[in-house]
Amino acid sequence: MSNNSILLKIENKVAYITLNRPEVFNSFNREMALSLQSILDDCETNIDVRAIVLTGNGKAFCAGQDLKEVTSPELNPGFKKILEEHYNPIITRIRNIKKPIIGAINGVAAGAGANIALACDIVVAHEKVSFIQAFSLIGLIPDSAGTFFLPRLIGFQKASALAMLGDKVSADEAEKMGMIYKVLPLENFEEEVNKLALKLANMPSLALGKIKEAFNQSLNNSLEQQLALESKLQIEAAQTEDYEEGVAAFVDKRKPTFKGK
């Protein structure tokens, strides 16, 4: 499945979603934002998809908003529509889909592109990648949940500085400060991403979805609320076929075969 701005390939229970406007560093216009939402919805309901990879085509992952769209009177949808109909729904989908989403950052991730990357469950990048909160450099503030996730990932002080100063952060720096999970070698980046995606796709999918749900709610829950949620989700997980298979495989000293049930 493909269109002009997004590519989708489903292989071995993994959906590979590629931002595909390389001529403008995969910056978002309205078509691309709405297409990404639609494809994420399809991946959520497709039982053949058990893990998702989000990446970019060409030299960049995503340069954020296409400024040509917002500076052209005949194209400009306005910031209210851009945020409420483009970026906010993308972030909400990334967090609410109960399947693991890997942000495979193949090049510069700037502005909304950086924050869409940080919303993913597991973020990997190769050593030539950089991240930049570019908003303040043109008189804006971080959106796409940047003010939500960034301070939680790297701390209030560091996040404030990066948001205000617009510093470029290398992949190695991002890993060291806890912004991303891991830096992968450039020469076998795709191969390593595929290995990670296949590992997730063959794990107990329902449990991974419940882990995601628990982490999402932990951002606002009290300790007591989180303990109650853990109890609820653990009881649910213990009723799955994958749990039975995992225990049986452990006892039999064999590799488990999880079916996502």
C-alpha atoms as a PDB file:
ATOM      1  CA  MET A   1       0.000   0.000   0.000  1.00  0.00           C
ATOM      2  CA  SER A   2       1.340   3.464  -0.823  1.00  0.00           C
ATOM      3  CA  ASN A   3       0.425   7.041  -1.607  1.00  0.00           C
ATOM      4  CA  ASN A   4       2.411  10.130  -2.492  1.00  0.00           C
ATOM      5  CA  SER A   5       3.553  10.961   1.019  1.00  0.00           C
ATOM      6  CA  ILE A   6       3.515   7.723   3.050  1.00  0.00           C
ATOM      7  CA  LEU A   7       4.695   4.209   2.215  1.00  0.00           C
ATOM      8  CA  LEU A   8       3.475   1.099   3.998  1.00  0.00           C
ATOM      9  CA  LYS A   9       4.969  -2.385   3.796  1.00  0.00           C
ATOM     10  CA  ILE A  10       3.789  -5.291   5.955  1.00  0.00           C
ATOM     11  CA  GLU A  11       6.219  -8.186   6.275  1.00  0.00           C
ATOM     12  CA  ASN A  12       6.685 -10.891   8.900  1.00  0.00           C
ATOM     13  CA  LYS A  13       4.037  -9.331  11.192  1.00  0.00           C
ATOM     14  CA  VAL A  14       5.826  -5.946  11.073  1.00  0.00           C
ATOM     15  CA  ALA A  15       4.351  -2.823   9.486  1.00  0.00           C
ATOM     16  CA  TYR A  16       7.036  -0.534   8.063  1.00  0.00           C
ATOM     17  CA  ILE A  17       5.684   3.017   7.728  1.00  0.00           C
ATOM     18  CA  THR A  18       7.936   5.400   5.802  1.00  0.00           C
ATOM     19  CA  LEU A  19       7.521   9.169   5.626  1.00  0.00           C
ATOM     20  CA  ASN A  20       8.023   9.820   1.934  1.00  0.00           C
ATOM     21  CA  ARG A  21       8.600  13.455   1.005  1.00  0.00           C
ATOM     22  CA  PRO A  22      12.401  13.296   0.781  1.00  0.00           C
ATOM     23  CA  GLU A  23      12.611  16.391  -1.441  1.00  0.00           C
ATOM     24  CA  VAL A  24      11.509  18.485   1.594  1.00  0.00           C
ATOM     25  CA  PHE A  25      13.189  16.299   4.242  1.00  0.00           C
ATOM     26  CA  ASN A  26       9.876  14.543   4.960  1.00  0.00           C
ATOM     27  CA  SER A  27       8.307  17.688   6.379  1.00  0.00           C
ATOM     28  CA  PHE A  28       4.573  17.457   7.001  1.00  0.00           C
ATOM     29  CA  ASN A  29       1.815  18.953   4.939  1.00  0.00           C
ATOM     30  CA  ARG A  30      -1.879  18.239   5.459  1.00  0.00           C
ATOM     31  CA  GLU A  31      -1.990  15.279   3.061  1.00  0.00           C
ATOM     32  CA  MET A  32       0.925  13.575   4.752  1.00  0.00           C
ATOM     33  CA  ALA A  33      -0.424  14.145   8.276  1.00  0.00           C
ATOM     34  CA  LEU A  34      -3.860  12.761   7.444  1.00  0.00           C
ATOM     35  CA  SER A  35      -2.358   9.828   5.528  1.00  0.00           C
ATOM     36  CA  LEU A  36      -0.176   8.883   8.483  1.00  0.00           C
ATOM     37  CA  GLN A  37      -3.197   8.898  10.785  1.00  0.00           C
ATOM     38  CA  SER A  38      -5.127   6.663   8.403  1.00  0.00           C
ATOM     39  CA  ILE A  39      -2.267   4.184   8.078  1.00  0.00           C
ATOM     40  CA  LEU A  40      -1.750   4.052  11.841  1.00  0.00           C
ATOM     41  CA  ASP A  41      -5.460   3.277  12.211  1.00  0.00           C
ATOM     42  CA  ASP A  42      -5.131   0.452   9.681  1.00  0.00           C
ATOM     43  CA  CYS A  43      -2.119  -0.979  11.517  1.00  0.00           C
ATOM     44  CA  GLU A  44      -3.984  -0.852  14.830  1.00  0.00           C
ATOM     45  CA  THR A  45      -6.824  -3.052  13.570  1.00  0.00           C
ATOM     46  CA  ASN A  46      -4.797  -5.351  11.295  1.00  0.00           C
ATOM     47  CA  ILE A  47      -4.341  -8.669  13.093  1.00  0.00           C
ATOM     48  CA  ASP A  48      -1.359  -9.442  10.859  1.00  0.00           C
ATOM     49  CA  VAL A  49       0.551  -6.489  12.362  1.00  0.00           C
ATOM     50  CA  ARG A  50       2.187  -7.088  15.738  1.00  0.00           C
ATOM     51  CA  ALA A  51       4.877  -4.386  15.631  1.00  0.00           C
ATOM     52  CA  ILE A  52       5.290  -1.092  13.787  1.00  0.00           C
ATOM     53  CA  VAL A  53       8.389   0.698  12.498  1.00  0.00           C
ATOM     54  CA  LEU A  54       8.178   4.417  11.714  1.00  0.00           C
ATOM     55  CA  THR A  55      11.034   5.809   9.633  1.00  0.00           C
ATOM     56  CA  GLY A  56      11.814   8.277   6.845  1.00  0.00           C
ATOM     57  CA  ASN A  57      12.921   8.083   3.225  1.00  0.00           C
ATOM     58  CA  GLY A  58      16.125   9.835   2.200  1.00  0.00           C
ATOM     59  CA  LYS A  59      18.498  11.920   4.299  1.00  0.00           C
ATOM     60  CA  ALA A  60      16.020  13.000   6.990  1.00  0.00           C
ATOM     61  CA  PHE A  61      13.561  11.363   9.336  1.00  0.00           C
ATOM     62  CA  CYS A  62      11.349  14.445   9.451  1.00  0.00           C
ATOM     63  CA  ALA A  63      12.046  18.181   9.441  1.00  0.00           C
ATOM     64  CA  GLY A  64       8.716  19.014  11.084  1.00  0.00           C
ATOM     65  CA  GLN A  65       6.135  21.266   9.483  1.00  0.00           C
ATOM     66  CA  ASP A  66       6.441  22.198   5.827  1.00  0.00           C
ATOM     67  CA  LEU A  67       6.794  25.972   6.173  1.00  0.00           C
ATOM     68  CA  LYS A  68       5.816  26.460   2.542  1.00  0.00           C
ATOM     69  CA  GLU A  69       2.331  25.306   3.515  1.00  0.00           C
ATOM     70  CA  VAL A  70       1.965  27.801   6.387  1.00  0.00           C
ATOM     71  CA  THR A  71       3.439  30.710   4.408  1.00  0.00           C
ATOM     72  CA  SER A  72       1.241  30.191   1.330  1.00  0.00           C
ATOM     73  CA  PRO A  73      -2.158  31.884   1.858  1.00  0.00           C
ATOM     74  CA  GLU A  74      -3.917  29.465  -0.475  1.00  0.00           C
ATOM     75  CA  LEU A  75      -2.477  26.416   1.341  1.00  0.00           C
ATOM     76  CA  ASN A  76      -2.204  27.517   4.982  1.00  0.00           C
ATOM     77  CA  PRO A  77      -4.676  25.589   7.153  1.00  0.00           C
ATOM     78  CA  GLY A  78      -3.795  27.712  10.228  1.00  0.00           C
ATOM     79  CA  PHE A  79      -2.089  26.607  13.432  1.00  0.00           C
ATOM     80  CA  LYS A  80      -5.315  25.598  15.171  1.00  0.00           C
ATOM     81  CA  LYS A  81      -6.116  23.095  12.424  1.00  0.00           C
ATOM     82  CA  ILE A  82      -2.483  21.977  12.090  1.00  0.00           C
ATOM     83  CA  LEU A  83      -2.258  21.135  15.780  1.00  0.00           C
ATOM     84  CA  GLU A  84      -5.762  19.800  16.406  1.00  0.00           C
ATOM     85  CA  GLU A  85      -6.153  17.876  13.143  1.00  0.00           C
ATOM     86  CA  HIS A  86      -2.553  16.975  12.221  1.00  0.00           C
ATOM     87  CA  TYR A  87      -0.035  16.568  15.043  1.00  0.00           C
ATOM     88  CA  ASN A  88      -2.154  16.004  18.146  1.00  0.00           C
ATOM     89  CA  PRO A  89      -4.023  13.058  16.551  1.00  0.00           C
ATOM     90  CA  ILE A  90      -0.731  11.543  15.352  1.00  0.00           C
ATOM     91  CA  ILE A  91       0.756  11.641  18.858  1.00  0.00           C
ATOM     92  CA  THR A  92      -2.453  10.269  20.372  1.00  0.00           C
ATOM     93  CA  ARG A  93      -2.455   7.366  17.941  1.00  0.00           C
ATOM     94  CA  ILE A  94       1.206   6.538  18.536  1.00  0.00           C
ATOM     95  CA  ARG A  95       0.622   6.353  22.286  1.00  0.00           C
ATOM     96  CA  ASN A  96      -2.771   4.601  22.234  1.00  0.00           C
ATOM     97  CA  ILE A  97      -2.093   1.835  19.696  1.00  0.00           C
ATOM     98  CA  LYS A  98      -1.541  -1.273  21.810  1.00  0.00           C
ATOM     99  CA  LYS A  99       1.313  -2.479  19.656  1.00  0.00           C
ATOM    100  CA  PRO A 100       5.006  -1.571  20.030  1.00  0.00           C
ATOM    101  CA  ILE A 101       6.122   1.255  17.766  1.00  0.00           C
ATOM    102  CA  ILE A 102       9.803   1.657  16.921  1.00  0.00           C
ATOM    103  CA  GLY A 103      10.995   5.079  15.852  1.00  0.00           C
ATOM    104  CA  ALA A 104      13.812   4.195  13.438  1.00  0.00           C
ATOM    105  CA  ILE A 105      15.430   7.589  13.048  1.00  0.00           C
ATOM    106  CA  ASN A 106      17.381   7.564   9.806  1.00  0.00           C
ATOM    107  CA  GLY A 107      18.338  11.245   9.637  1.00  0.00           C
ATOM    108  CA  VAL A 108      17.725  14.645  11.178  1.00  0.00           C
ATOM    109  CA  ALA A 109      14.592  14.869  13.332  1.00  0.00           C
ATOM    110  CA  ALA A 110      13.609  18.496  13.850  1.00  0.00           C
ATOM    111  CA  GLY A 111      10.640  20.299  15.352  1.00  0.00           C
ATOM    112  CA  ALA A 112       7.492  18.188  15.240  1.00  0.00           C
ATOM    113  CA  GLY A 113       9.588  15.457  13.618  1.00  0.00           C
ATOM    114  CA  ALA A 114      11.759  15.209  16.729  1.00  0.00           C
ATOM    115  CA  ASN A 115       8.747  15.027  19.024  1.00  0.00           C
ATOM    116  CA  ILE A 116       6.911  12.449  16.926  1.00  0.00           C
ATOM    117  CA  ALA A 117      10.078  10.352  17.212  1.00  0.00           C
ATOM    118  CA  LEU A 118      10.162  10.754  21.002  1.00  0.00           C
ATOM    119  CA  ALA A 119       6.537   9.641  21.308  1.00  0.00           C
ATOM    120  CA  CYS A 120       7.429   6.185  19.965  1.00  0.00           C
ATOM    121  CA  ASP A 121       7.887   3.285  22.389  1.00  0.00           C
ATOM    122  CA  ILE A 122      11.469   2.471  21.386  1.00  0.00           C
ATOM    123  CA  VAL A 123      13.619   5.021  19.570  1.00  0.00           C
ATOM    124  CA  VAL A 124      16.807   4.019  17.771  1.00  0.00           C
ATOM    125  CA  ALA A 125      19.009   6.150  15.533  1.00  0.00           C
ATOM    126  CA  HIS A 126      22.256   5.758  13.621  1.00  0.00           C
ATOM    127  CA  GLU A 127      25.355   7.706  14.610  1.00  0.00           C
ATOM    128  CA  LYS A 128      24.910  10.472  11.999  1.00  0.00           C
ATOM    129  CA  VAL A 129      21.430  11.454  13.231  1.00  0.00           C
ATOM    130  CA  SER A 130      20.688  14.679  15.093  1.00  0.00           C
ATOM    131  CA  PHE A 131      17.659  15.938  17.001  1.00  0.00           C
ATOM    132  CA  ILE A 132      16.670  19.582  17.330  1.00  0.00           C
ATOM    133  CA  GLN A 133      13.828  21.421  19.028  1.00  0.00           C
ATOM    134  CA  ALA A 134      13.807  24.032  16.298  1.00  0.00           C
ATOM    135  CA  PHE A 135      10.656  25.883  17.368  1.00  0.00           C
ATOM    136  CA  SER A 136      12.209  28.767  19.310  1.00  0.00           C
ATOM    137  CA  LEU A 137      14.456  29.599  16.358  1.00  0.00           C
ATOM    138  CA  ILE A 138      11.380  30.827  14.463  1.00  0.00           C
ATOM    139  CA  GLY A 139       9.486  32.220  17.453  1.00  0.00           C
ATOM    140  CA  LEU A 140       7.358  29.184  18.341  1.00  0.00           C
ATOM    141  CA  ILE A 141       7.110  26.712  21.227  1.00  0.00           C
ATOM    142  CA  PRO A 142       7.549  22.922  21.081  1.00  0.00           C
ATOM    143  CA  ASP A 143       4.368  21.106  20.107  1.00  0.00           C
ATOM    144  CA  SER A 144       3.544  17.479  19.248  1.00  0.00           C
ATOM    145  CA  ALA A 145       3.895  16.664  22.973  1.00  0.00           C
ATOM    146  CA  GLY A 146       7.464  17.934  23.129  1.00  0.00           C
ATOM    147  CA  THR A 147       6.762  19.778  26.376  1.00  0.00           C
ATOM    148  CA  PHE A 148       5.256  16.570  27.766  1.00  0.00           C
ATOM    149  CA  PHE A 149       7.752  13.858  26.821  1.00  0.00           C
ATOM    150  CA  LEU A 150      11.065  15.716  26.682  1.00  0.00           C
ATOM    151  CA  PRO A 151      11.233  16.765  30.379  1.00  0.00           C
ATOM    152  CA  ARG A 152      10.101  13.295  31.407  1.00  0.00           C
ATOM    153  CA  LEU A 153      12.825  11.681  29.319  1.00  0.00           C
ATOM    154  CA  ILE A 154      15.796  13.905  30.127  1.00  0.00           C
ATOM    155  CA  GLY A 155      14.773  16.091  33.067  1.00  0.00           C
ATOM    156  CA  PHE A 156      13.250  19.543  33.446  1.00  0.00           C
ATOM    157  CA  GLN A 157      16.447  21.608  33.301  1.00  0.00           C
ATOM    158  CA  LYS A 158      17.954  19.924  30.227  1.00  0.00           C
ATOM    159  CA  ALA A 159      14.629  19.952  28.398  1.00  0.00           C
ATOM    160  CA  SER A 160      14.109  23.651  29.103  1.00  0.00           C
ATOM    161  CA  ALA A 161      17.539  24.481  27.738  1.00  0.00           C
ATOM    162  CA  LEU A 162      17.096  22.451  24.560  1.00  0.00           C
ATOM    163  CA  ALA A 163      13.636  23.920  23.944  1.00  0.00           C
ATOM    164  CA  MET A 164      14.764  27.518  24.508  1.00  0.00           C
ATOM    165  CA  LEU A 165      18.173  27.417  22.844  1.00  0.00           C
ATOM    166  CA  GLY A 166      17.324  25.091  19.956  1.00  0.00           C
ATOM    167  CA  ASP A 167      20.605  23.201  20.336  1.00  0.00           C
ATOM    168  CA  LYS A 168      21.330  20.362  17.926  1.00  0.00           C
ATOM    169  CA  VAL A 169      21.733  17.056  19.805  1.00  0.00           C
ATOM    170  CA  SER A 170      23.723  14.215  18.256  1.00  0.00           C
ATOM    171  CA  ALA A 171      22.491  10.638  18.430  1.00  0.00           C
ATOM    172  CA  ASP A 172      25.266   9.746  20.886  1.00  0.00           C
ATOM    173  CA  GLU A 173      24.317  12.664  23.134  1.00  0.00           C
ATOM    174  CA  ALA A 174      20.647  11.721  22.884  1.00  0.00           C
ATOM    175  CA  GLU A 175      21.405   8.180  24.015  1.00  0.00           C
ATOM    176  CA  LYS A 176      23.575   9.332  26.919  1.00  0.00           C
ATOM    177  CA  MET A 177      20.909  11.723  28.251  1.00  0.00           C
ATOM    178  CA  GLY A 178      18.159   9.091  27.941  1.00  0.00           C
ATOM    179  CA  MET A 179      16.317  10.765  25.079  1.00  0.00           C
ATOM    180  CA  ILE A 180      16.515   7.625  22.926  1.00  0.00           C
ATOM    181  CA  TYR A 181      17.028   3.916  23.553  1.00  0.00           C
ATOM    182  CA  LYS A 182      20.088   3.148  21.457  1.00  0.00           C
ATOM    183  CA  VAL A 183      22.444   4.314  18.697  1.00  0.00           C
ATOM    184  CA  LEU A 184      22.956   1.742  15.938  1.00  0.00           C
ATOM    185  CA  PRO A 185      25.806   1.554  13.408  1.00  0.00           C
ATOM    186  CA  LEU A 186      25.031   3.375  10.166  1.00  0.00           C
ATOM    187  CA  GLU A 187      26.333   0.572   7.935  1.00  0.00           C
ATOM    188  CA  ASN A 188      23.779  -1.983   9.153  1.00  0.00           C
ATOM    189  CA  PHE A 189      21.080   0.318  10.526  1.00  0.00           C
ATOM    190  CA  GLU A 190      18.193  -1.230   8.575  1.00  0.00           C
ATOM    191  CA  GLU A 191      19.301  -4.758   9.428  1.00  0.00           C
ATOM    192  CA  GLU A 192      19.435  -3.970  13.143  1.00  0.00           C
ATOM    193  CA  VAL A 193      16.051  -2.218  13.027  1.00  0.00           C
ATOM    194  CA  ASN A 194      14.569  -5.279  11.314  1.00  0.00           C
ATOM    195  CA  LYS A 195      16.002  -7.586  13.985  1.00  0.00           C
ATOM    196  CA  LEU A 196      14.482  -5.450  16.730  1.00  0.00           C
ATOM    197  CA  ALA A 197      11.113  -5.266  14.971  1.00  0.00           C
ATOM    198  CA  LEU A 198      10.996  -9.026  14.385  1.00  0.00           C
ATOM    199  CA  LYS A 199      11.862  -9.685  18.016  1.00  0.00           C
ATOM    200  CA  LEU A 200       8.950  -7.514  19.152  1.00  0.00           C
ATOM    201  CA  ALA A 201       6.588  -9.029  16.577  1.00  0.00           C
ATOM    202  CA  ASN A 202       7.281 -12.509  17.966  1.00  0.00           C
ATOM    203  CA  MET A 203       6.849 -11.568  21.612  1.00  0.00           C
ATOM    204  CA  PRO A 204       3.550 -11.836  23.563  1.00  0.00           C
ATOM    205  CA  SER A 205       1.696  -8.969  21.892  1.00  0.00           C
ATOM    206  CA  LEU A 206      -1.059  -8.565  24.462  1.00  0.00           C
ATOM    207  CA  ALA A 207       1.478  -8.213  27.259  1.00  0.00           C
ATOM    208  CA  LEU A 208       3.405  -5.582  25.292  1.00  0.00           C
ATOM    209  CA  GLY A 209       0.176  -3.648  24.787  1.00  0.00           C
ATOM    210  CA  LYS A 210      -0.548  -3.780  28.507  1.00  0.00           C
ATOM    211  CA  ILE A 211       2.995  -2.580  29.293  1.00  0.00           C
ATOM    212  CA  LYS A 212       2.340   0.388  27.009  1.00  0.00           C
ATOM    213  CA  GLU A 213      -0.996   1.068  28.712  1.00  0.00           C
ATOM    214  CA  ALA A 214       0.623   0.930  32.157  1.00  0.00           C
ATOM    215  CA  PHE A 215       3.406   3.326  31.190  1.00  0.00           C
ATOM    216  CA  ASN A 216       0.922   5.748  29.623  1.00  0.00           C
ATOM    217  CA  GLN A 217      -1.194   5.913  32.764  1.00  0.00           C
ATOM    218  CA  SER A 218       1.832   6.123  35.043  1.00  0.00           C
ATOM    219  CA  LEU A 219       2.424   9.641  33.723  1.00  0.00           C
ATOM    220  CA  ASN A 220      -0.588  10.862  35.700  1.00  0.00           C
ATOM    221  CA  ASN A 221      -1.337   8.198  38.319  1.00  0.00           C
ATOM    222  CA  SER A 222      -0.544   8.240  42.016  1.00  0.00           C
ATOM    223  CA  LEU A 223       1.407   5.284  43.434  1.00  0.00           C
ATOM    224  CA  GLU A 224      -1.805   3.730  44.728  1.00  0.00           C
ATOM    225  CA  GLN A 225      -3.542   4.149  41.369  1.00  0.00           C
ATOM    226  CA  GLN A 226      -0.598   2.633  39.540  1.00  0.00           C
ATOM    227  CA  LEU A 227      -0.430  -0.362  41.857  1.00  0.00           C
ATOM    228  CA  ALA A 228      -4.139  -0.967  41.294  1.00  0.00           C
ATOM    229  CA  LEU A 229      -3.656  -0.691  37.527  1.00  0.00           C
ATOM    230  CA  GLU A 230      -0.730  -3.120  37.625  1.00  0.00           C
ATOM    231  CA  SER A 231      -2.887  -5.620  39.490  1.00  0.00           C
ATOM    232  CA  LYS A 232      -5.684  -5.295  36.940  1.00  0.00           C
ATOM    233  CA  LEU A 233      -3.404  -5.625  33.919  1.00  0.00           C
ATOM    234  CA  GLN A 234      -1.381  -8.470  35.439  1.00  0.00           C
ATOM    235  CA  ILE A 235      -4.532 -10.488  36.114  1.00  0.00           C
ATOM    236  CA  GLU A 236      -5.610  -9.906  32.511  1.00  0.00           C
ATOM    237  CA  ALA A 237      -2.173 -10.899  31.183  1.00  0.00           C
ATOM    238  CA  ALA A 238      -2.217 -14.100  33.240  1.00  0.00           C
ATOM    239  CA  GLN A 239      -5.400 -15.175  31.447  1.00  0.00           C
ATOM    240  CA  THR A 240      -3.823 -15.126  27.963  1.00  0.00           C
ATOM    241  CA  GLU A 241      -2.672 -18.089  25.899  1.00  0.00           C
ATOM    242  CA  ASP A 242       0.733 -16.437  25.562  1.00  0.00           C
ATOM    243  CA  TYR A 243       1.224 -16.548  29.334  1.00  0.00           C
ATOM    244  CA  GLU A 244       0.402 -20.254  29.359  1.00  0.00           C
ATOM    245  CA  GLU A 245       2.832 -20.811  26.478  1.00  0.00           C
ATOM    246  CA  GLY A 246       5.554 -18.755  28.161  1.00  0.00           C
ATOM    247  CA  VAL A 247       5.331 -20.749  31.387  1.00  0.00           C
ATOM    248  CA  ALA A 248       5.132 -24.084  29.546  1.00  0.00           C
ATOM    249  CA  ALA A 249       8.180 -23.197  27.453  1.00  0.00           C
ATOM    250  CA  PHE A 250      10.117 -22.200  30.575  1.00  0.00           C
ATOM    251  CA  VAL A 251       9.283 -25.495  32.286  1.00  0.00           C
ATOM    252  CA  ASP A 252      10.085 -27.509  29.146  1.00  0.00           C
ATOM    253  CA  LYS A 253      13.293 -25.528  28.589  1.00  0.00           C
ATOM    254  CA  ARG A 254      12.357 -24.613  25.020  1.00  0.00           C
ATOM    255  CA  LYS A 255      11.805 -21.442  23.041  1.00  0.00           C
ATOM    256  CA  PRO A 256       8.209 -20.182  23.351  1.00  0.00           C
ATOM    257  CA  THR A 257       5.968 -19.644  20.331  1.00  0.00           C
ATOM    258  CA  PHE A 258       3.743 -16.675  21.081  1.00  0.00           C
ATOM    259  CA  LYS A 259       0.609 -16.089  19.008  1.00  0.00           C
ATOM    260  CA  GLY A 260      -0.550 -12.762  20.399  1.00  0.00           C
ATOM    261  CA  LYS A 261      -3.572 -14.352  22.102  1.00  0.00           C
END
